[in-house]
Protein backbone atom coordinates (compact mmCIF):
# COMPACT_ATOMS: atom_id res chain seq x y z
CA MET A 1 9.03 -9.54 -24.90
CA THR A 2 12.41 -7.94 -24.22
CA PRO A 3 13.36 -4.60 -22.64
CA GLU A 4 14.30 -3.37 -26.12
CA ILE A 5 10.89 -4.22 -27.57
CA VAL A 6 9.01 -2.83 -24.57
CA SER A 7 10.96 0.43 -24.77
CA CYS A 8 10.02 1.11 -28.39
CA TYR A 9 6.23 1.19 -27.94
CA LYS A 10 4.51 4.26 -29.39
CA THR A 11 0.96 5.56 -29.50
CA ALA A 12 -0.49 4.42 -32.84
CA LYS A 13 -4.00 5.85 -32.56
CA THR A 14 -6.27 7.65 -30.11
CA PHE A 15 -10.04 7.81 -29.77
CA ARG A 16 -12.24 10.19 -27.81
CA LEU A 17 -15.07 7.80 -26.99
CA GLY A 18 -17.23 9.72 -24.54
CA ASP A 19 -17.75 12.77 -22.39
CA ARG A 20 -16.28 11.24 -19.24
CA PRO A 21 -13.11 9.21 -18.51
CA VAL A 22 -12.82 5.51 -19.23
CA SER A 23 -13.36 3.32 -16.15
CA ALA A 24 -12.58 -0.22 -17.41
CA LEU A 25 -11.43 -2.23 -20.41
CA SER A 26 -11.43 -5.88 -21.45
CA PHE A 27 -10.22 -7.90 -24.46
CA SER A 28 -12.02 -10.73 -26.21
CA ASP A 29 -10.34 -14.14 -25.98
CA ASN A 30 -9.15 -13.97 -29.59
CA GLY A 31 -7.75 -10.44 -29.14
CA GLU A 32 -9.80 -9.06 -32.02
CA LEU A 33 -11.96 -6.75 -29.89
CA CYS A 34 -11.54 -4.47 -26.90
CA VAL A 35 -14.51 -3.20 -24.89
CA THR A 36 -14.36 -0.11 -22.66
CA SER A 37 -16.84 1.33 -20.21
CA SER A 38 -16.89 5.03 -19.35
CA GLU A 39 -18.22 7.19 -16.53
CA ASP A 40 -20.84 8.67 -18.90
CA ASP A 41 -22.60 5.24 -18.94
CA SER A 42 -21.29 4.40 -22.41
CA ILE A 43 -19.84 1.13 -23.72
CA HIS A 44 -17.49 1.19 -26.70
CA VAL A 45 -16.23 -1.71 -28.78
CA ILE A 46 -12.91 -1.26 -30.60
CA ASP A 47 -11.78 -3.45 -33.49
CA CYS A 48 -8.15 -4.17 -32.60
CA LEU A 49 -7.29 -5.58 -36.03
CA GLU A 50 -8.64 -2.58 -37.95
CA GLY A 51 -7.73 -0.01 -35.30
CA LYS A 52 -11.13 1.61 -35.36
CA GLN A 53 -14.23 2.03 -33.24
CA LYS A 54 -16.79 -0.66 -34.06
CA SER A 55 -19.87 0.27 -32.00
CA THR A 56 -21.19 2.34 -29.08
CA LEU A 57 -23.91 1.35 -26.63
CA PHE A 58 -25.36 3.06 -23.56
CA SER A 59 -26.61 1.95 -20.17
CA LYS A 60 -28.11 5.24 -19.02
CA LYS A 61 -30.65 3.58 -16.72
CA TYR A 62 -28.29 1.28 -14.83
CA GLY A 63 -24.85 2.78 -15.38
CA VAL A 64 -21.85 0.63 -16.26
CA ASN A 65 -18.47 -0.30 -14.82
CA LEU A 66 -16.06 -3.25 -14.85
CA ALA A 67 -17.07 -4.36 -18.35
CA ARG A 68 -15.76 -7.89 -19.00
CA PHE A 69 -15.92 -9.95 -22.15
CA THR A 70 -17.37 -13.42 -21.71
CA HIS A 71 -16.03 -16.19 -23.97
CA HIS A 72 -18.35 -14.92 -26.69
CA THR A 73 -17.23 -11.88 -28.68
CA ASN A 74 -20.77 -10.47 -28.69
CA ALA A 75 -21.44 -10.59 -24.94
CA ILE A 76 -20.11 -8.90 -21.81
CA VAL A 77 -20.85 -8.84 -18.09
CA HIS A 78 -20.75 -5.52 -16.25
CA ALA A 79 -21.44 -3.98 -12.86
CA SER A 80 -24.09 -1.32 -12.30
CA THR A 81 -23.59 2.16 -10.90
CA LYS A 82 -27.24 3.26 -10.68
CA GLU A 83 -30.51 1.96 -9.18
CA ASP A 84 -28.97 -1.12 -7.56
CA ASP A 85 -25.83 -3.27 -7.57
CA THR A 86 -27.05 -5.98 -9.92
CA LEU A 87 -24.60 -7.51 -12.39
CA ARG A 88 -25.82 -7.56 -15.97
CA TYR A 89 -25.16 -9.89 -18.91
CA LEU A 90 -25.38 -7.83 -22.10
CA SER A 91 -25.54 -8.83 -25.76
CA LEU A 92 -23.42 -6.41 -27.79
CA TYR A 93 -25.09 -7.64 -30.96
CA ASP A 94 -28.55 -6.22 -30.25
CA ASN A 95 -27.99 -4.25 -27.01
CA GLN A 96 -30.30 -6.55 -25.05
CA TYR A 97 -29.76 -7.84 -21.53
CA LEU A 98 -29.63 -11.63 -21.45
CA ARG A 99 -29.66 -12.10 -17.67
CA TYR A 100 -29.50 -10.24 -14.35
CA PHE A 101 -27.43 -11.42 -11.40
CA GLN A 102 -28.88 -10.07 -8.16
CA GLY A 103 -27.51 -10.40 -4.64
CA HIS A 104 -24.98 -7.69 -3.93
CA THR A 105 -26.25 -4.80 -1.84
CA LYS A 106 -23.34 -2.40 -2.30
CA ARG A 107 -21.03 -1.41 -5.14
CA VAL A 108 -19.20 -4.22 -6.92
CA VAL A 109 -15.49 -3.35 -7.03
CA SER A 110 -13.93 -6.45 -8.60
CA LEU A 111 -15.18 -8.73 -11.36
CA GLY A 112 -13.34 -11.61 -12.99
CA MET A 113 -14.31 -14.07 -15.74
CA SER A 114 -13.03 -17.63 -15.54
CA PRO A 115 -10.63 -18.51 -18.39
CA LEU A 116 -11.99 -22.08 -18.32
CA ASN A 117 -15.78 -21.87 -18.47
CA ASP A 118 -18.82 -19.62 -17.85
CA ASN A 119 -18.13 -19.05 -14.16
CA PHE A 120 -17.29 -15.56 -12.95
CA LEU A 121 -16.50 -13.95 -9.59
CA SER A 122 -17.63 -10.66 -8.11
CA ALA A 123 -16.51 -8.83 -4.97
CA SER A 124 -18.51 -6.06 -3.35
CA LEU A 125 -18.26 -3.46 -0.63
CA ASP A 126 -21.17 -5.31 1.03
CA GLY A 127 -18.49 -7.65 2.41
CA SER A 128 -19.11 -10.61 0.11
CA ILE A 129 -17.49 -12.46 -2.76
CA ARG A 130 -19.91 -14.34 -5.01
CA LEU A 131 -19.50 -17.10 -7.58
CA TRP A 132 -21.82 -17.09 -10.59
CA ASP A 133 -22.52 -19.02 -13.77
CA LEU A 134 -23.67 -17.14 -16.88
CA ARG A 135 -26.27 -19.85 -17.51
CA ALA A 136 -28.15 -19.28 -14.23
CA ALA A 137 -29.39 -16.13 -12.54
CA GLY A 138 -28.88 -17.43 -9.01
CA CYS A 139 -25.60 -17.14 -7.16
CA GLU A 140 -23.73 -20.47 -6.91
CA GLY A 141 -22.20 -19.46 -3.61
CA ALA A 142 -21.00 -16.60 -1.45
CA MET A 143 -18.34 -16.00 1.17
CA ASP A 144 -17.95 -13.19 3.68
CA VAL A 145 -14.84 -11.00 3.67
CA ASN A 146 -13.68 -7.86 5.42
CA GLY A 147 -12.54 -4.55 4.01
CA TYR A 148 -12.07 -3.77 0.32
CA PRO A 149 -12.20 -7.12 -1.53
CA THR A 150 -10.63 -8.10 -4.83
CA VAL A 151 -10.68 -11.40 -6.76
CA ALA A 152 -8.88 -13.10 -9.65
CA PHE A 153 -8.84 -16.50 -11.37
CA ASP A 154 -5.54 -18.20 -12.09
CA PRO A 155 -4.82 -19.05 -15.77
CA SER A 156 -6.10 -22.62 -15.35
CA GLY A 157 -9.49 -21.45 -14.06
CA ARG A 158 -9.32 -24.02 -11.27
CA VAL A 159 -7.99 -21.74 -8.54
CA PHE A 160 -8.95 -18.23 -7.52
CA ALA A 161 -7.41 -15.69 -5.18
CA ALA A 162 -9.26 -13.34 -2.88
CA GLY A 163 -7.67 -10.28 -1.30
CA HIS A 164 -9.41 -8.75 1.69
CA SER A 165 -8.85 -6.31 4.57
CA SER A 166 -5.82 -4.99 2.62
CA ASP A 167 -3.65 -7.47 4.51
CA LYS A 168 -4.69 -11.04 3.55
CA ILE A 169 -4.61 -13.19 0.44
CA SER A 170 -6.64 -16.42 0.40
CA MET A 171 -6.41 -19.11 -2.29
CA TYR A 172 -9.39 -21.34 -3.13
CA ASP A 173 -9.84 -24.50 -5.17
CA LEU A 174 -12.92 -23.82 -7.31
CA ARG A 175 -14.03 -27.46 -6.98
CA ALA A 176 -13.95 -27.32 -3.17
CA TRP A 177 -14.28 -23.64 -2.30
CA ARG A 178 -17.01 -24.34 0.28
CA ALA A 179 -14.36 -26.05 2.42
CA GLY A 180 -12.60 -22.71 2.70
CA PRO A 181 -9.22 -21.53 1.42
CA PHE A 182 -6.38 -24.00 1.08
CA LEU A 183 -3.95 -21.15 1.78
CA THR A 184 -4.19 -17.81 3.55
CA ASN A 185 -1.25 -15.49 4.03
CA GLN A 186 -1.01 -12.29 6.04
CA ILE A 187 0.86 -9.58 4.14
CA ASP A 188 2.70 -7.72 6.90
CA GLN A 189 4.35 -4.95 4.91
CA GLY A 190 2.22 -1.95 5.81
CA VAL A 191 0.84 -2.15 2.29
CA ALA A 192 -1.49 0.69 1.32
CA GLY A 193 -5.11 -0.03 0.39
CA TRP A 194 -5.37 -2.87 -2.10
CA LYS A 195 -7.16 -2.24 -5.37
CA GLY A 196 -6.51 -5.26 -7.54
CA ILE A 197 -4.86 -8.67 -7.88
CA SER A 198 -4.03 -10.53 -11.08
CA PHE A 199 -2.11 -13.67 -12.00
CA SER A 200 0.69 -13.74 -14.54
CA ASN A 201 -0.13 -15.91 -17.56
CA ASP A 202 2.25 -18.64 -16.39
CA GLY A 203 0.42 -18.80 -13.04
CA LYS A 204 3.61 -18.36 -11.03
CA ASN A 205 3.12 -14.82 -9.72
CA LEU A 206 0.45 -12.44 -8.47
CA LEU A 207 0.42 -8.68 -9.02
CA LEU A 208 -0.97 -6.82 -6.03
CA SER A 209 -1.83 -3.23 -6.98
CA THR A 210 -2.46 -0.62 -4.31
CA THR A 211 -3.59 2.96 -3.83
CA GLY A 212 -0.10 3.91 -2.64
CA ASN A 213 3.23 4.52 -4.32
CA SER A 214 4.25 0.84 -4.47
CA HIS A 215 2.84 -2.31 -5.97
CA TYR A 216 3.90 -5.88 -5.13
CA ILE A 217 4.74 -9.15 -6.86
CA LEU A 218 3.75 -12.22 -4.83
CA ASP A 219 4.69 -15.85 -5.29
CA ALA A 220 1.41 -17.46 -6.40
CA TYR A 221 2.20 -20.71 -4.56
CA ASP A 222 2.69 -19.36 -1.03
CA CYS A 223 1.64 -15.67 -1.42
CA THR A 224 4.93 -14.32 -0.07
CA ILE A 225 6.23 -11.01 -1.42
CA LYS A 226 8.97 -11.38 -4.04
CA HIS A 227 9.29 -7.77 -5.25
CA GLN A 228 8.20 -4.30 -4.25
CA LEU A 229 7.65 -2.05 -7.29
CA VAL A 230 8.76 1.44 -6.29
CA GLY A 231 9.27 4.79 -7.99
CA HIS A 232 5.57 5.04 -8.72
CA THR A 233 4.01 8.24 -7.40
CA GLY A 234 0.49 9.46 -7.99
CA SER A 235 -1.19 6.15 -8.70
CA THR A 236 -4.62 6.33 -10.30
CA LEU A 237 -5.58 3.06 -8.67
CA GLY A 238 -7.42 4.93 -5.94
CA MET A 239 -9.91 5.95 -8.64
CA CYS A 240 -10.23 2.62 -10.45
CA THR A 241 -8.89 -0.92 -10.46
CA GLU A 242 -7.83 -1.23 -14.08
CA ALA A 243 -4.52 0.63 -14.35
CA ALA A 244 -1.98 -2.15 -13.71
CA PHE A 245 -1.31 -5.26 -15.80
CA TRP A 246 1.16 -7.98 -16.81
CA SER A 247 2.83 -8.39 -20.17
CA PRO A 248 1.61 -11.62 -21.83
CA ASP A 249 4.86 -13.44 -21.01
CA GLY A 250 4.64 -12.50 -17.32
CA ARG A 251 7.98 -10.70 -17.28
CA PHE A 252 6.94 -7.04 -17.24
CA VAL A 253 4.46 -5.11 -15.10
CA TYR A 254 2.86 -1.85 -16.23
CA ALA A 255 0.99 0.69 -14.12
CA GLY A 256 -0.59 4.06 -14.89
CA THR A 257 -0.29 7.25 -12.88
CA SER A 258 -2.51 10.26 -12.23
CA GLN A 259 0.04 12.41 -14.10
CA GLY A 260 -0.65 10.49 -17.30
CA MET A 261 2.45 8.29 -17.20
CA LEU A 262 2.82 4.54 -17.71
CA ASN A 263 5.62 2.92 -15.71
CA VAL A 264 7.17 -0.44 -16.62
CA TRP A 265 9.13 -2.80 -14.33
CA ASP A 266 11.23 -5.82 -15.33
CA THR A 267 10.49 -8.57 -12.79
CA GLN A 268 13.46 -10.70 -13.90
CA GLN A 269 15.74 -8.44 -11.88
CA GLU A 270 16.86 -10.02 -8.63
CA ALA A 271 16.52 -7.05 -6.27
CA PHE A 272 13.59 -6.93 -3.85
CA GLU A 273 12.88 -3.26 -4.64
CA LEU A 274 12.47 -2.67 -8.35
CA SER A 275 12.38 0.75 -10.00
CA PRO A 276 10.82 1.37 -13.42
CA PHE A 277 13.23 0.79 -16.28
CA LYS A 278 10.92 2.70 -18.63
CA THR A 279 8.32 5.46 -18.21
CA PHE A 280 6.03 6.45 -21.07
CA ASN A 281 4.23 9.74 -21.50
CA THR A 282 0.67 8.93 -22.54
CA PRO A 283 -2.11 11.04 -24.12
CA HIS A 284 -3.91 10.97 -20.74
CA GLN A 285 -2.42 14.07 -19.14
CA GLN A 286 -5.80 15.58 -18.28
CA GLU A 287 -7.42 12.69 -16.39
CA GLY A 288 -4.44 10.40 -15.78
CA THR A 289 -3.86 6.88 -17.06
CA ARG A 290 -6.92 5.28 -15.52
CA VAL A 291 -7.07 1.95 -17.35
CA ALA A 292 -4.53 -0.14 -19.23
CA GLY A 293 -4.14 -3.63 -20.63
CA HIS A 294 -2.26 -5.82 -23.10
CA ASN A 295 -3.96 -7.59 -25.97
CA PRO A 296 -3.79 -11.38 -25.30
CA THR A 297 -2.83 -12.38 -28.86
CA THR A 298 -1.04 -9.41 -30.46
CA ALA A 299 1.62 -6.86 -29.54
CA MET A 300 -0.99 -4.14 -28.95
CA MET A 301 -1.44 -2.31 -25.65
CA VAL A 302 -4.43 -0.13 -24.81
CA THR A 303 -4.53 2.70 -22.27
CA GLY A 304 -7.36 4.98 -21.33
CA GLY A 305 -8.24 8.16 -19.51
CA ASP A 306 -10.03 11.06 -21.15
CA VAL A 307 -9.19 9.28 -24.45
CA VAL A 308 -8.37 5.70 -25.41
CA ALA A 309 -4.96 5.03 -26.97
CA LEU A 310 -3.73 2.04 -28.98
CA TRP A 311 0.01 1.29 -28.65
CA LEU A 312 2.28 -0.73 -30.93
CA PRO A 313 6.07 -1.38 -30.92
CA GLU A 314 7.93 0.78 -33.42
CA VAL A 315 10.44 -1.79 -34.68
């Protein structure tokens, strides 16, 4: 990825997939499929190779948010928005639930699948982070946190990060997480409310997305701040956690805005404060750019709001 390639992305196709805005998206490991969840309790599967909608499912009884592909292209895990805060393991093939994961007592706000195996993490407003295995209904372990929590696995699947209280990052070894974090760093920058953390694919950096007008790049080894991403007003991250992401090579960071823009920063610049080098107008002017992500195996990007848009470089 180069600034020239990033700058020439265009909207290739749009879909109106439901009556309410999109709340989350996830790609299959092979990049062939993208799944979205919407506020109208619908789940949509998009064929990224064909550029068309493949199927639509509904979870009217339980609601749906934070849809995440497992390592199987026909199965996802998602959070609930109705009845209770159970996590649900859903077969996309026959629209049947394979397993329920009970334990959280308030809304789940962060959900991450391990890139290594069938483990996944969840973080809830009940003040807990829980570790699960798709093969067992019971929680493998839980830890107490304060404030709005967020979690992410590193690319190796052996380490995970937990953000809590909007001022601390803790790093855990998955094989010895019961011993506590091997690193905790206080982020003393007056950072606005945290909404998401994610590792770059090379494992060297963390993206800390916030509800404010700045996001942050942290060194993944000591959790110190390397860059402040500025020039970003009207973030939609107060509404959802899915609107900021890395390019596959870990060089560029993208983030959506409530005005329907998509800002891009080049993290190879040396300055501490980085301004966007490119801002895209998206088809999401009505509801804002609420979700966004980059396909893991192709040049495609996907953004979502009131519609879902597929993006490709026009080269």
